[in-house]
Amino acid sequence: MGYIDIKSVVWQRIHIEDEELPDLIESIKDLDEEEAYQEILMNSEGCEYITESEVPLTVKNNDGCPTIEAVNEEGETLYQNGN
């Protein structure tokens, strides 16, 4: 059976203890986005995906890379939008 993958954007809610929040905010202020994300995850109690916030990711907002891909059961890509 083949499948179609669709890339989207969704908010995550990361749970942090109130007393730890000020120090965590201070520690990520000067980090780039990827480093800040990893720092937050390492200091979290877990997260939940807020699925009602999900929106499709456009090729333009994905640096020209595909956001829709169709693949057959042999793993061959039959279609992809973008580059």
N, C-alpha and C. Protein backbone atom coordinates (compact mmCIF):
# COMPACT_ATOMS: atom_id res chain seq x y z
N MET A 1 0.84 -1.18 0.00
CA MET A 1 0.00 0.00 0.00
C MET A 1 0.89 1.24 0.00
N GLY A 2 0.57 2.18 -0.85
CA GLY A 2 1.30 3.44 -0.91
C GLY A 2 0.76 4.42 0.12
N TYR A 3 1.32 5.61 0.10
CA TYR A 3 0.88 6.64 1.04
C TYR A 3 1.21 8.02 0.52
N ILE A 4 0.58 9.03 1.11
CA ILE A 4 0.89 10.43 0.83
C ILE A 4 1.26 11.09 2.15
N ASP A 5 2.42 11.72 2.17
CA ASP A 5 2.85 12.50 3.34
C ASP A 5 2.57 13.97 3.07
N ILE A 6 2.03 14.65 4.05
CA ILE A 6 1.77 16.08 3.96
C ILE A 6 2.43 16.75 5.16
N LYS A 7 3.29 17.71 4.88
CA LYS A 7 4.01 18.42 5.94
C LYS A 7 3.17 19.59 6.42
N SER A 8 3.09 19.74 7.73
CA SER A 8 2.31 20.83 8.31
C SER A 8 3.05 21.40 9.51
N VAL A 9 2.48 22.47 10.05
CA VAL A 9 3.05 23.14 11.22
C VAL A 9 2.01 23.04 12.34
N VAL A 10 2.48 22.69 13.52
CA VAL A 10 1.58 22.60 14.67
C VAL A 10 2.33 23.10 15.92
N TRP A 11 1.62 23.81 16.77
CA TRP A 11 2.21 24.27 18.03
C TRP A 11 2.37 23.10 18.97
N GLN A 12 3.44 23.14 19.76
CA GLN A 12 3.64 22.18 20.85
C GLN A 12 3.55 22.95 22.16
N ARG A 13 2.95 22.34 23.15
CA ARG A 13 2.93 22.93 24.49
C ARG A 13 3.91 22.13 25.33
N ILE A 14 4.98 22.80 25.76
CA ILE A 14 6.03 22.19 26.56
C ILE A 14 5.75 22.53 28.02
N HIS A 15 5.69 21.53 28.86
CA HIS A 15 5.37 21.74 30.27
C HIS A 15 6.64 21.98 31.08
N ILE A 16 6.69 23.13 31.76
CA ILE A 16 7.84 23.54 32.57
C ILE A 16 7.31 23.98 33.94
N GLU A 17 7.96 23.55 34.99
CA GLU A 17 7.57 23.98 36.33
C GLU A 17 7.72 25.50 36.44
N ASP A 18 6.75 26.16 37.10
CA ASP A 18 6.75 27.62 37.23
C ASP A 18 8.07 28.17 37.78
N GLU A 19 8.60 27.52 38.80
CA GLU A 19 9.82 28.04 39.42
C GLU A 19 11.04 27.89 38.51
N GLU A 20 10.98 27.03 37.50
CA GLU A 20 12.10 26.83 36.57
C GLU A 20 12.00 27.72 35.34
N LEU A 21 10.83 28.29 35.10
CA LEU A 21 10.59 29.05 33.87
C LEU A 21 11.50 30.28 33.72
N PRO A 22 11.67 31.13 34.73
CA PRO A 22 12.54 32.30 34.54
C PRO A 22 13.97 31.94 34.15
N ASP A 23 14.55 30.92 34.80
CA ASP A 23 15.92 30.52 34.48
C ASP A 23 16.01 29.94 33.08
N LEU A 24 15.00 29.19 32.67
CA LEU A 24 15.01 28.61 31.33
C LEU A 24 14.92 29.70 30.26
N ILE A 25 14.04 30.67 30.49
CA ILE A 25 13.91 31.79 29.55
C ILE A 25 15.25 32.52 29.43
N GLU A 26 15.89 32.76 30.54
CA GLU A 26 17.19 33.45 30.52
C GLU A 26 18.23 32.63 29.76
N SER A 27 18.21 31.31 29.91
CA SER A 27 19.21 30.46 29.28
C SER A 27 19.04 30.35 27.77
N ILE A 28 17.86 30.64 27.24
CA ILE A 28 17.66 30.50 25.79
C ILE A 28 17.68 31.82 25.03
N LYS A 29 17.75 32.94 25.73
CA LYS A 29 17.67 34.25 25.08
C LYS A 29 18.70 34.44 23.97
N ASP A 30 19.91 33.97 24.15
CA ASP A 30 20.98 34.21 23.19
C ASP A 30 21.26 33.00 22.28
N LEU A 31 20.42 31.98 22.34
CA LEU A 31 20.61 30.79 21.51
C LEU A 31 19.88 30.94 20.18
N ASP A 32 20.36 30.23 19.15
CA ASP A 32 19.59 30.23 17.91
C ASP A 32 18.37 29.33 18.10
N GLU A 33 17.48 29.30 17.12
CA GLU A 33 16.21 28.61 17.28
C GLU A 33 16.37 27.12 17.59
N GLU A 34 17.25 26.44 16.87
CA GLU A 34 17.43 25.01 17.09
C GLU A 34 18.01 24.71 18.47
N GLU A 35 18.99 25.49 18.88
CA GLU A 35 19.59 25.31 20.20
C GLU A 35 18.56 25.58 21.30
N ALA A 36 17.76 26.63 21.13
CA ALA A 36 16.74 26.97 22.12
C ALA A 36 15.72 25.84 22.23
N TYR A 37 15.28 25.31 21.09
CA TYR A 37 14.32 24.21 21.08
C TYR A 37 14.86 23.01 21.86
N GLN A 38 16.11 22.64 21.59
CA GLN A 38 16.72 21.50 22.28
C GLN A 38 16.86 21.76 23.79
N GLU A 39 17.24 22.97 24.14
CA GLU A 39 17.38 23.33 25.56
C GLU A 39 16.03 23.22 26.28
N ILE A 40 14.98 23.71 25.63
CA ILE A 40 13.64 23.64 26.22
C ILE A 40 13.22 22.19 26.40
N LEU A 41 13.40 21.36 25.36
CA LEU A 41 13.00 19.95 25.46
C LEU A 41 13.77 19.21 26.54
N MET A 42 15.05 19.50 26.69
CA MET A 42 15.86 18.81 27.71
C MET A 42 15.42 19.18 29.11
N ASN A 43 14.79 20.33 29.29
CA ASN A 43 14.38 20.79 30.61
C ASN A 43 12.87 20.68 30.83
N SER A 44 12.21 19.92 30.00
CA SER A 44 10.75 19.86 30.09
C SER A 44 10.27 18.58 30.77
N GLU A 45 9.03 18.62 31.19
CA GLU A 45 8.35 17.47 31.78
C GLU A 45 7.58 16.71 30.70
N GLY A 46 7.69 17.14 29.46
CA GLY A 46 6.95 16.55 28.36
C GLY A 46 6.23 17.62 27.57
N CYS A 47 5.58 17.20 26.50
CA CYS A 47 4.87 18.16 25.68
C CYS A 47 3.61 17.53 25.12
N GLU A 48 2.74 18.39 24.63
CA GLU A 48 1.56 17.93 23.93
C GLU A 48 1.45 18.71 22.64
N TYR A 49 0.94 18.07 21.61
CA TYR A 49 0.72 18.72 20.34
C TYR A 49 -0.67 19.32 20.33
N ILE A 50 -0.76 20.60 19.99
CA ILE A 50 -2.05 21.29 19.95
C ILE A 50 -2.56 21.15 18.52
N THR A 51 -3.21 20.03 18.24
CA THR A 51 -3.57 19.67 16.87
C THR A 51 -4.53 20.65 16.23
N GLU A 52 -5.34 21.34 17.02
CA GLU A 52 -6.26 22.32 16.42
C GLU A 52 -5.52 23.54 15.88
N SER A 53 -4.24 23.67 16.19
CA SER A 53 -3.44 24.78 15.66
C SER A 53 -2.76 24.42 14.33
N GLU A 54 -2.93 23.18 13.87
CA GLU A 54 -2.23 22.70 12.68
C GLU A 54 -2.65 23.46 11.42
N VAL A 55 -1.64 23.85 10.64
CA VAL A 55 -1.86 24.48 9.34
C VAL A 55 -0.89 23.87 8.33
N PRO A 56 -1.29 23.79 7.06
CA PRO A 56 -0.39 23.24 6.05
C PRO A 56 0.86 24.11 5.90
N LEU A 57 1.98 23.47 5.62
CA LEU A 57 3.22 24.18 5.34
C LEU A 57 3.35 24.31 3.84
N THR A 58 3.56 25.52 3.36
CA THR A 58 3.69 25.74 1.93
C THR A 58 5.12 25.46 1.48
N VAL A 59 5.28 25.19 0.20
CA VAL A 59 6.61 24.98 -0.37
C VAL A 59 7.46 26.24 -0.15
N LYS A 60 6.86 27.40 -0.33
CA LYS A 60 7.58 28.66 -0.13
C LYS A 60 8.12 28.77 1.29
N ASN A 61 7.30 28.41 2.29
CA ASN A 61 7.74 28.50 3.68
C ASN A 61 8.63 27.33 4.10
N ASN A 62 8.80 26.36 3.21
CA ASN A 62 9.66 25.21 3.47
C ASN A 62 10.93 25.30 2.61
N ASP A 63 11.35 26.53 2.31
CA ASP A 63 12.57 26.79 1.53
C ASP A 63 12.58 26.08 0.18
N GLY A 64 11.41 25.97 -0.46
CA GLY A 64 11.31 25.35 -1.77
C GLY A 64 11.27 23.83 -1.75
N CYS A 65 11.40 23.25 -0.57
CA CYS A 65 11.38 21.78 -0.46
C CYS A 65 9.95 21.27 -0.44
N PRO A 66 9.75 20.01 -0.83
CA PRO A 66 8.40 19.45 -0.91
C PRO A 66 7.66 19.46 0.42
N THR A 67 6.35 19.62 0.31
CA THR A 67 5.47 19.51 1.47
C THR A 67 4.40 18.46 1.25
N ILE A 68 4.35 17.90 0.03
CA ILE A 68 3.46 16.78 -0.28
C ILE A 68 4.28 15.77 -1.08
N GLU A 69 4.25 14.53 -0.65
CA GLU A 69 4.94 13.46 -1.35
C GLU A 69 4.05 12.23 -1.40
N ALA A 70 3.96 11.63 -2.60
CA ALA A 70 3.23 10.37 -2.78
C ALA A 70 4.25 9.27 -3.06
N VAL A 71 4.14 8.17 -2.32
CA VAL A 71 5.11 7.07 -2.41
C VAL A 71 4.35 5.76 -2.57
N ASN A 72 4.83 4.91 -3.49
CA ASN A 72 4.17 3.61 -3.66
C ASN A 72 4.72 2.59 -2.67
N GLU A 73 4.15 1.38 -2.71
CA GLU A 73 4.55 0.38 -1.71
C GLU A 73 5.98 -0.10 -1.86
N GLU A 74 6.60 0.16 -3.00
CA GLU A 74 8.02 -0.18 -3.18
C GLU A 74 8.94 0.93 -2.66
N GLY A 75 8.34 2.02 -2.18
CA GLY A 75 9.12 3.12 -1.64
C GLY A 75 9.54 4.14 -2.68
N GLU A 76 9.03 4.03 -3.90
CA GLU A 76 9.36 4.98 -4.95
C GLU A 76 8.49 6.22 -4.82
N THR A 77 9.11 7.38 -4.91
CA THR A 77 8.36 8.62 -4.87
C THR A 77 7.72 8.84 -6.24
N LEU A 78 6.40 8.88 -6.25
CA LEU A 78 5.66 9.06 -7.48
C LEU A 78 5.36 10.53 -7.76
N TYR A 79 5.28 11.32 -6.71
CA TYR A 79 4.97 12.74 -6.84
C TYR A 79 5.52 13.49 -5.64
N GLN A 80 5.99 14.68 -5.90
CA GLN A 80 6.28 15.62 -4.83
C GLN A 80 6.19 17.02 -5.39
N ASN A 81 5.62 17.91 -4.59
CA ASN A 81 5.59 19.30 -5.01
C ASN A 81 6.92 19.94 -4.63
N GLY A 82 7.18 21.13 -5.08
CA GLY A 82 8.44 21.79 -4.74
C GLY A 82 9.59 21.26 -5.56
N ASN A 83 10.82 21.52 -5.07
CA ASN A 83 12.05 21.12 -5.80
C ASN A 83 12.33 19.65 -5.65
